[in-house]
Amino acid sequence: MGAGGRVGREVTDILKNQGHEIVEVTRSAGVDVHTGTGLAEALSGVEAVIDAVNIPPSPDTDVVTGFFRTTARNLQRAAAAAGVRRIVLVSIIGIDEFTSGHYAGKLAQERALLEGPVPVRIVRAAQFHEFPAMMLEWTTQGDVARVPAMRTQLVAVRTVAEKLAEIAVHDGPAMTDIAGPEEIRLSVAAAEVARRRGYPARVEEVADTSDPNHGLQATGALLPGPDAVIAGPTFAEWLTRR
């Protein structure tokens, strides 16, 4: 699910290259996971589902959590009826204490999926390498970007997609954390993107006290634990390849 998105495209490419038969669940294919339209037909005969459905960023926590709860429940219902053996969800490291925004939505999605009858495997990933550039787009005003304080361990989308594909095919633990090989402050990563692009002229790290999650982000809640899978290129290596 979400085969047309950043994660979904990578997973689809990996599994096709391995010779697996893939059903690409997308709105363009006539399947809407939020309404349930076409979902039962799409899952007929499917053994494992990778849930990479996403929603555009929204400041409205109720909208985000409502979307993810609905898609999770629709998926569980259709997957159980189709005889799906497992659902593999991509989520986010360290979100257990987050109460608002996208992180709260992903936590609601996890919990809603786990309430259903089909076994669920959750792969919690660190922020993707593309995230600093997205943050520049969201926060730049004039020649200054003001990036929220965040400690992270950026990871390649392809690395996460490989883990999702592995668990979909061979099964795995109930929960897996996965992150890149080095910790970095989001503002530092964003500044490096800005330097290579030539804009914006300045990147500032700020404490966004209007965000209930700002303290958790700044103090390392989104960093991997000691049992996490550490894999893939560093952020600098990834940028150079790009």
C-alpha atoms as a PDB file:
ATOM      1  CA  MET A   1       0.000   0.000   0.000  1.00  0.00           C
ATOM      2  CA  GLY A   2       1.255   3.433  -0.886  1.00  0.00           C
ATOM      3  CA  ALA A   3       3.173   1.924  -3.795  1.00  0.00           C
ATOM      4  CA  GLY A   4       3.439   5.297  -5.508  1.00  0.00           C
ATOM      5  CA  GLY A   5       5.147   6.997  -2.560  1.00  0.00           C
ATOM      6  CA  ARG A   6       8.796   7.383  -1.623  1.00  0.00           C
ATOM      7  CA  VAL A   7       9.005   4.149   0.375  1.00  0.00           C
ATOM      8  CA  GLY A   8       6.501   2.234  -1.732  1.00  0.00           C
ATOM      9  CA  ARG A   9       8.409   2.804  -4.971  1.00  0.00           C
ATOM     10  CA  GLU A  10      11.618   1.458  -3.456  1.00  0.00           C
ATOM     11  CA  VAL A  11       9.920  -1.597  -1.940  1.00  0.00           C
ATOM     12  CA  THR A  12       8.179  -2.364  -5.231  1.00  0.00           C
ATOM     13  CA  ASP A  13      11.465  -2.147  -7.136  1.00  0.00           C
ATOM     14  CA  ILE A  14      13.260  -4.429  -4.664  1.00  0.00           C
ATOM     15  CA  LEU A  15      10.578  -7.117  -4.644  1.00  0.00           C
ATOM     16  CA  LYS A  16      10.152  -7.085  -8.416  1.00  0.00           C
ATOM     17  CA  ASN A  17      13.912  -7.501  -8.855  1.00  0.00           C
ATOM     18  CA  GLN A  18      13.732 -10.510  -6.536  1.00  0.00           C
ATOM     19  CA  GLY A  19      11.079 -12.072  -8.760  1.00  0.00           C
ATOM     20  CA  HIS A  20       8.069 -11.654  -6.477  1.00  0.00           C
ATOM     21  CA  GLU A  21       4.595 -10.977  -7.815  1.00  0.00           C
ATOM     22  CA  ILE A  22       3.496  -7.531  -6.644  1.00  0.00           C
ATOM     23  CA  VAL A  23       0.110  -5.887  -6.332  1.00  0.00           C
ATOM     24  CA  GLU A  24       0.639  -2.116  -6.361  1.00  0.00           C
ATOM     25  CA  VAL A  25      -2.043  -0.545  -4.185  1.00  0.00           C
ATOM     26  CA  THR A  26      -2.489   3.089  -5.215  1.00  0.00           C
ATOM     27  CA  ARG A  27      -5.339   5.504  -5.811  1.00  0.00           C
ATOM     28  CA  SER A  28      -4.370   5.649  -9.472  1.00  0.00           C
ATOM     29  CA  ALA A  29      -5.034   1.898  -9.604  1.00  0.00           C
ATOM     30  CA  GLY A  30      -8.520   2.465  -8.206  1.00  0.00           C
ATOM     31  CA  VAL A  31      -7.807   1.613  -4.567  1.00  0.00           C
ATOM     32  CA  ASP A  32      -8.490   4.081  -1.761  1.00  0.00           C
ATOM     33  CA  VAL A  33      -7.404   2.681   1.595  1.00  0.00           C
ATOM     34  CA  HIS A  34      -9.047   5.549   3.484  1.00  0.00           C
ATOM     35  CA  THR A  35     -12.518   4.844   2.077  1.00  0.00           C
ATOM     36  CA  GLY A  36     -11.872   1.127   1.532  1.00  0.00           C
ATOM     37  CA  THR A  37     -12.785   1.363  -2.146  1.00  0.00           C
ATOM     38  CA  GLY A  38     -11.191  -1.485  -4.137  1.00  0.00           C
ATOM     39  CA  LEU A  39      -9.198  -2.767  -1.171  1.00  0.00           C
ATOM     40  CA  ALA A  40     -10.820  -6.196  -0.877  1.00  0.00           C
ATOM     41  CA  GLU A  41     -10.252  -6.896  -4.557  1.00  0.00           C
ATOM     42  CA  ALA A  42      -6.644  -5.693  -4.413  1.00  0.00           C
ATOM     43  CA  LEU A  43      -5.775  -8.003  -1.499  1.00  0.00           C
ATOM     44  CA  SER A  44      -7.326 -11.141  -2.960  1.00  0.00           C
ATOM     45  CA  GLY A  45      -4.645 -13.852  -2.992  1.00  0.00           C
ATOM     46  CA  VAL A  46      -2.046 -11.620  -1.329  1.00  0.00           C
ATOM     47  CA  GLU A  47       0.232 -13.234   1.295  1.00  0.00           C
ATOM     48  CA  ALA A  48       1.817 -10.134   2.858  1.00  0.00           C
ATOM     49  CA  VAL A  49       1.012  -6.420   2.835  1.00  0.00           C
ATOM     50  CA  ILE A  50       3.565  -3.628   3.238  1.00  0.00           C
ATOM     51  CA  ASP A  51       1.795  -0.546   4.571  1.00  0.00           C
ATOM     52  CA  ALA A  52       3.593   2.583   3.373  1.00  0.00           C
ATOM     53  CA  VAL A  53       0.487   4.764   3.148  1.00  0.00           C
ATOM     54  CA  ASN A  54       1.119   8.385   4.056  1.00  0.00           C
ATOM     55  CA  ILE A  55      -0.676  11.692   4.381  1.00  0.00           C
ATOM     56  CA  PRO A  56       0.607  15.201   3.584  1.00  0.00           C
ATOM     57  CA  PRO A  57       1.933  17.028   6.665  1.00  0.00           C
ATOM     58  CA  SER A  58      -0.836  18.665   8.679  1.00  0.00           C
ATOM     59  CA  PRO A  59      -0.800  20.657  11.929  1.00  0.00           C
ATOM     60  CA  ASP A  60      -4.196  19.165  12.818  1.00  0.00           C
ATOM     61  CA  THR A  61      -3.526  16.154  15.032  1.00  0.00           C
ATOM     62  CA  ASP A  62      -7.147  14.983  14.849  1.00  0.00           C
ATOM     63  CA  VAL A  63      -7.008  14.924  11.041  1.00  0.00           C
ATOM     64  CA  VAL A  64      -3.771  12.942  10.977  1.00  0.00           C
ATOM     65  CA  THR A  65      -4.722  10.441  13.677  1.00  0.00           C
ATOM     66  CA  GLY A  66      -8.181  10.007  12.164  1.00  0.00           C
ATOM     67  CA  PHE A  67      -6.701   9.265   8.749  1.00  0.00           C
ATOM     68  CA  PHE A  68      -4.211   6.700  10.029  1.00  0.00           C
ATOM     69  CA  ARG A  69      -6.713   4.955  12.330  1.00  0.00           C
ATOM     70  CA  THR A  70      -9.209   4.636   9.497  1.00  0.00           C
ATOM     71  CA  THR A  71      -6.711   3.268   6.987  1.00  0.00           C
ATOM     72  CA  ALA A  72      -5.347   0.810   9.568  1.00  0.00           C
ATOM     73  CA  ARG A  73      -8.772  -0.548  10.444  1.00  0.00           C
ATOM     74  CA  ASN A  74      -9.793  -0.808   6.795  1.00  0.00           C
ATOM     75  CA  LEU A  75      -6.584  -2.668   6.035  1.00  0.00           C
ATOM     76  CA  GLN A  76      -6.974  -5.116   8.905  1.00  0.00           C
ATOM     77  CA  ARG A  77     -10.576  -5.867   7.950  1.00  0.00           C
ATOM     78  CA  ALA A  78      -9.785  -6.462   4.278  1.00  0.00           C
ATOM     79  CA  ALA A  79      -6.553  -8.365   5.008  1.00  0.00           C
ATOM     80  CA  ALA A  80      -8.294 -10.742   7.418  1.00  0.00           C
ATOM     81  CA  ALA A  81     -11.043 -11.448   4.896  1.00  0.00           C
ATOM     82  CA  ALA A  82      -8.446 -12.125   2.181  1.00  0.00           C
ATOM     83  CA  GLY A  83      -6.356 -14.477   4.328  1.00  0.00           C
ATOM     84  CA  VAL A  84      -3.273 -12.248   4.383  1.00  0.00           C
ATOM     85  CA  ARG A  85      -0.551 -13.796   6.551  1.00  0.00           C
ATOM     86  CA  ARG A  86       1.049 -10.582   7.859  1.00  0.00           C
ATOM     87  CA  ILE A  87       1.115  -6.826   7.586  1.00  0.00           C
ATOM     88  CA  VAL A  88       4.440  -4.968   7.641  1.00  0.00           C
ATOM     89  CA  LEU A  89       4.178  -1.303   8.619  1.00  0.00           C
ATOM     90  CA  VAL A  90       6.792   1.413   8.213  1.00  0.00           C
ATOM     91  CA  SER A  91       6.659   3.773  11.182  1.00  0.00           C
ATOM     92  CA  ILE A  92       8.977   6.145  13.069  1.00  0.00           C
ATOM     93  CA  ILE A  93      11.527   5.517  15.820  1.00  0.00           C
ATOM     94  CA  GLY A  94      10.779   6.732  19.329  1.00  0.00           C
ATOM     95  CA  ILE A  95       7.233   8.048  18.912  1.00  0.00           C
ATOM     96  CA  ASP A  96       5.692   6.488  22.043  1.00  0.00           C
ATOM     97  CA  GLU A  97       5.568   9.740  24.030  1.00  0.00           C
ATOM     98  CA  PHE A  98       4.587  12.080  21.182  1.00  0.00           C
ATOM     99  CA  THR A  99       1.141  13.641  21.500  1.00  0.00           C
ATOM    100  CA  SER A 100       0.625  15.733  18.391  1.00  0.00           C
ATOM    101  CA  GLY A 101       1.111  15.948  14.651  1.00  0.00           C
ATOM    102  CA  HIS A 102       2.444  13.271  12.341  1.00  0.00           C
ATOM    103  CA  TYR A 103       4.188  11.342  15.111  1.00  0.00           C
ATOM    104  CA  ALA A 104       0.943  10.993  17.066  1.00  0.00           C
ATOM    105  CA  GLY A 105      -0.760   9.876  13.868  1.00  0.00           C
ATOM    106  CA  LYS A 106       1.767   7.125  13.235  1.00  0.00           C
ATOM    107  CA  LEU A 107       1.426   5.938  16.826  1.00  0.00           C
ATOM    108  CA  ALA A 108      -2.352   5.770  16.380  1.00  0.00           C
ATOM    109  CA  GLN A 109      -1.809   3.782  13.177  1.00  0.00           C
ATOM    110  CA  GLU A 110       0.420   1.269  14.945  1.00  0.00           C
ATOM    111  CA  ARG A 111      -2.095   0.762  17.731  1.00  0.00           C
ATOM    112  CA  ALA A 112      -5.058   0.410  15.382  1.00  0.00           C
ATOM    113  CA  LEU A 113      -3.258  -2.190  13.284  1.00  0.00           C
ATOM    114  CA  LEU A 114      -2.237  -4.151  16.368  1.00  0.00           C
ATOM    115  CA  GLU A 115      -5.884  -4.376  17.434  1.00  0.00           C
ATOM    116  CA  GLY A 116      -6.720  -6.457  14.348  1.00  0.00           C
ATOM    117  CA  PRO A 117      -6.475 -10.211  13.767  1.00  0.00           C
ATOM    118  CA  VAL A 118      -3.715 -10.259  11.125  1.00  0.00           C
ATOM    119  CA  PRO A 119      -0.188 -10.377  12.630  1.00  0.00           C
ATOM    120  CA  VAL A 120       1.652  -7.052  12.335  1.00  0.00           C
ATOM    121  CA  ARG A 121       5.371  -6.394  12.026  1.00  0.00           C
ATOM    122  CA  ILE A 122       6.445  -2.788  12.600  1.00  0.00           C
ATOM    123  CA  VAL A 123       9.639  -1.306  11.176  1.00  0.00           C
ATOM    124  CA  ARG A 124      10.337   1.982  12.929  1.00  0.00           C
ATOM    125  CA  ALA A 125      12.751   4.087  10.887  1.00  0.00           C
ATOM    126  CA  ALA A 126      14.717   7.229  11.623  1.00  0.00           C
ATOM    127  CA  GLN A 127      14.034  10.294   9.482  1.00  0.00           C
ATOM    128  CA  PHE A 128      14.957   9.814   5.834  1.00  0.00           C
ATOM    129  CA  HIS A 129      17.875  11.537   4.145  1.00  0.00           C
ATOM    130  CA  GLU A 130      15.409  13.672   2.181  1.00  0.00           C
ATOM    131  CA  PHE A 131      14.025  15.200   5.401  1.00  0.00           C
ATOM    132  CA  PRO A 132      16.507  18.109   5.794  1.00  0.00           C
ATOM    133  CA  ALA A 133      15.708  19.363   2.280  1.00  0.00           C
ATOM    134  CA  MET A 134      11.984  19.132   3.037  1.00  0.00           C
ATOM    135  CA  MET A 135      12.565  21.096   6.235  1.00  0.00           C
ATOM    136  CA  LEU A 136      14.307  23.838   4.241  1.00  0.00           C
ATOM    137  CA  GLU A 137      11.290  24.068   1.944  1.00  0.00           C
ATOM    138  CA  TRP A 138       8.918  24.354   4.909  1.00  0.00           C
ATOM    139  CA  THR A 139      10.877  26.865   7.003  1.00  0.00           C
ATOM    140  CA  THR A 140      12.740  29.195   4.635  1.00  0.00           C
ATOM    141  CA  GLN A 141      11.645  32.816   4.685  1.00  0.00           C
ATOM    142  CA  GLY A 142      13.714  35.179   2.601  1.00  0.00           C
ATOM    143  CA  ASP A 143      17.308  33.982   2.878  1.00  0.00           C
ATOM    144  CA  VAL A 144      16.952  32.324   6.301  1.00  0.00           C
ATOM    145  CA  ALA A 145      15.666  28.852   7.243  1.00  0.00           C
ATOM    146  CA  ARG A 146      14.702  28.346  10.880  1.00  0.00           C
ATOM    147  CA  VAL A 147      14.909  24.625  11.551  1.00  0.00           C
ATOM    148  CA  PRO A 148      13.529  23.080  14.750  1.00  0.00           C
ATOM    149  CA  ALA A 149      16.050  21.543  17.132  1.00  0.00           C
ATOM    150  CA  MET A 150      16.176  17.803  16.530  1.00  0.00           C
ATOM    151  CA  ARG A 151      18.675  15.007  17.077  1.00  0.00           C
ATOM    152  CA  THR A 152      18.328  12.265  14.504  1.00  0.00           C
ATOM    153  CA  GLN A 153      20.192   9.460  12.774  1.00  0.00           C
ATOM    154  CA  LEU A 154      19.151   9.919   9.155  1.00  0.00           C
ATOM    155  CA  VAL A 155      18.660   6.764   7.094  1.00  0.00           C
ATOM    156  CA  ALA A 156      18.367   5.980   3.389  1.00  0.00           C
ATOM    157  CA  VAL A 157      14.884   5.144   2.107  1.00  0.00           C
ATOM    158  CA  ARG A 158      16.369   2.233   0.157  1.00  0.00           C
ATOM    159  CA  THR A 159      17.858   0.782   3.340  1.00  0.00           C
ATOM    160  CA  VAL A 160      14.462   0.879   5.058  1.00  0.00           C
ATOM    161  CA  ALA A 161      12.740  -0.549   1.992  1.00  0.00           C
ATOM    162  CA  GLU A 162      15.142  -3.495   1.958  1.00  0.00           C
ATOM    163  CA  LYS A 163      14.239  -4.301   5.569  1.00  0.00           C
ATOM    164  CA  LEU A 164      10.509  -4.021   4.851  1.00  0.00           C
ATOM    165  CA  ALA A 165      10.845  -6.361   1.875  1.00  0.00           C
ATOM    166  CA  GLU A 166      12.884  -8.849   3.887  1.00  0.00           C
ATOM    167  CA  ILE A 167      10.282  -9.051   6.650  1.00  0.00           C
ATOM    168  CA  ALA A 168       7.382  -9.233   4.193  1.00  0.00           C
ATOM    169  CA  VAL A 169       8.943 -12.266   2.521  1.00  0.00           C
ATOM    170  CA  HIS A 170      10.617 -14.059   5.441  1.00  0.00           C
ATOM    171  CA  ASP A 171       8.852 -12.636   8.533  1.00  0.00           C
ATOM    172  CA  GLY A 172      10.641 -10.998  11.446  1.00  0.00           C
ATOM    173  CA  PRO A 173      10.253  -9.647  14.981  1.00  0.00           C
ATOM    174  CA  ALA A 174       7.218  -7.684  16.118  1.00  0.00           C
ATOM    175  CA  MET A 175       9.231  -4.459  16.191  1.00  0.00           C
ATOM    176  CA  THR A 176      12.433  -3.441  14.396  1.00  0.00           C
ATOM    177  CA  ASP A 177      14.189  -0.071  14.664  1.00  0.00           C
ATOM    178  CA  ILE A 178      16.408   0.968  11.770  1.00  0.00           C
ATOM    179  CA  ALA A 179      18.650   4.015  11.412  1.00  0.00           C
ATOM    180  CA  GLY A 180      21.696   5.318   9.595  1.00  0.00           C
ATOM    181  CA  PRO A 181      25.253   5.050  10.931  1.00  0.00           C
ATOM    182  CA  GLU A 182      25.697   8.471  12.529  1.00  0.00           C
ATOM    183  CA  GLU A 183      23.835  10.946  14.713  1.00  0.00           C
ATOM    184  CA  ILE A 184      23.395  14.447  13.329  1.00  0.00           C
ATOM    185  CA  ARG A 185      21.448  17.547  14.290  1.00  0.00           C
ATOM    186  CA  LEU A 186      18.733  18.317  11.785  1.00  0.00           C
ATOM    187  CA  SER A 187      19.912  21.931  11.502  1.00  0.00           C
ATOM    188  CA  VAL A 188      23.437  20.775  10.625  1.00  0.00           C
ATOM    189  CA  ALA A 189      22.129  18.443   7.928  1.00  0.00           C
ATOM    190  CA  ALA A 190      19.890  21.196   6.549  1.00  0.00           C
ATOM    191  CA  ALA A 191      22.794  23.643   6.522  1.00  0.00           C
ATOM    192  CA  GLU A 192      24.858  21.184   4.470  1.00  0.00           C
ATOM    193  CA  VAL A 193      22.049  20.840   1.946  1.00  0.00           C
ATOM    194  CA  ALA A 194      21.798  24.639   1.784  1.00  0.00           C
ATOM    195  CA  ARG A 195      25.564  24.966   1.297  1.00  0.00           C
ATOM    196  CA  ARG A 196      25.563  22.551  -1.625  1.00  0.00           C
ATOM    197  CA  ARG A 197      22.520  24.180  -3.211  1.00  0.00           C
ATOM    198  CA  GLY A 198      23.691  27.708  -2.598  1.00  0.00           C
ATOM    199  CA  TYR A 199      20.502  28.717  -0.763  1.00  0.00           C
ATOM    200  CA  PRO A 200      19.177  29.750   1.650  1.00  0.00           C
ATOM    201  CA  ALA A 201      22.075  31.878   2.883  1.00  0.00           C
ATOM    202  CA  ARG A 202      21.644  30.956   6.540  1.00  0.00           C
ATOM    203  CA  VAL A 203      20.173  28.096   8.571  1.00  0.00           C
ATOM    204  CA  GLU A 204      19.288  28.715  12.198  1.00  0.00           C
ATOM    205  CA  GLU A 205      18.321  26.127  14.802  1.00  0.00           C
ATOM    206  CA  VAL A 206      15.302  27.240  16.821  1.00  0.00           C
ATOM    207  CA  ALA A 207      13.232  25.919  19.712  1.00  0.00           C
ATOM    208  CA  ASP A 208       9.660  25.811  18.439  1.00  0.00           C
ATOM    209  CA  THR A 209       7.861  26.066  21.778  1.00  0.00           C
ATOM    210  CA  SER A 210       4.490  26.050  20.012  1.00  0.00           C
ATOM    211  CA  ASP A 211       5.116  22.383  19.159  1.00  0.00           C
ATOM    212  CA  PRO A 212       4.299  20.084  22.114  1.00  0.00           C
ATOM    213  CA  ASN A 213       6.901  17.650  20.781  1.00  0.00           C
ATOM    214  CA  HIS A 214       9.798  20.104  20.608  1.00  0.00           C
ATOM    215  CA  GLY A 215      11.472  18.964  23.831  1.00  0.00           C
ATOM    216  CA  LEU A 216      11.362  15.289  22.844  1.00  0.00           C
ATOM    217  CA  GLN A 217      12.840  16.049  19.427  1.00  0.00           C
ATOM    218  CA  ALA A 218      15.612  18.227  20.823  1.00  0.00           C
ATOM    219  CA  THR A 219      16.703  15.777  23.506  1.00  0.00           C
ATOM    220  CA  GLY A 220      16.988  12.660  21.347  1.00  0.00           C
ATOM    221  CA  ALA A 221      13.684  10.784  21.577  1.00  0.00           C
ATOM    222  CA  LEU A 222      13.936  10.084  17.841  1.00  0.00           C
ATOM    223  CA  LEU A 223      17.335   8.390  18.101  1.00  0.00           C
ATOM    224  CA  PRO A 224      17.618   4.581  17.776  1.00  0.00           C
ATOM    225  CA  GLY A 225      18.028   2.354  20.794  1.00  0.00           C
ATOM    226  CA  PRO A 226      20.857  -0.136  21.392  1.00  0.00           C
ATOM    227  CA  ASP A 227      19.092  -2.973  19.549  1.00  0.00           C
ATOM    228  CA  ALA A 228      18.423  -1.010  16.359  1.00  0.00           C
ATOM    229  CA  VAL A 229      19.593  -2.115  12.929  1.00  0.00           C
ATOM    230  CA  ILE A 230      22.263   0.371  11.819  1.00  0.00           C
ATOM    231  CA  ALA A 231      22.748   0.334   8.069  1.00  0.00           C
ATOM    232  CA  GLY A 232      23.173   2.276   4.863  1.00  0.00           C
ATOM    233  CA  PRO A 233      25.232   5.294   3.829  1.00  0.00           C
ATOM    234  CA  THR A 234      25.917   8.316   6.001  1.00  0.00           C
ATOM    235  CA  PHE A 235      24.099  11.530   5.156  1.00  0.00           C
ATOM    236  CA  ALA A 236      27.247  13.002   3.596  1.00  0.00           C
ATOM    237  CA  GLU A 237      27.771   9.895   1.455  1.00  0.00           C
ATOM    238  CA  TRP A 238      24.160   9.974   0.329  1.00  0.00           C
ATOM    239  CA  LEU A 239      24.362  13.665  -0.563  1.00  0.00           C
ATOM    240  CA  THR A 240      27.482  13.112  -2.615  1.00  0.00           C
ATOM    241  CA  ARG A 241      25.845  10.294  -4.551  1.00  0.00           C
ATOM    242  CA  ARG A 242      22.831  12.483  -5.216  1.00  0.00           C
END
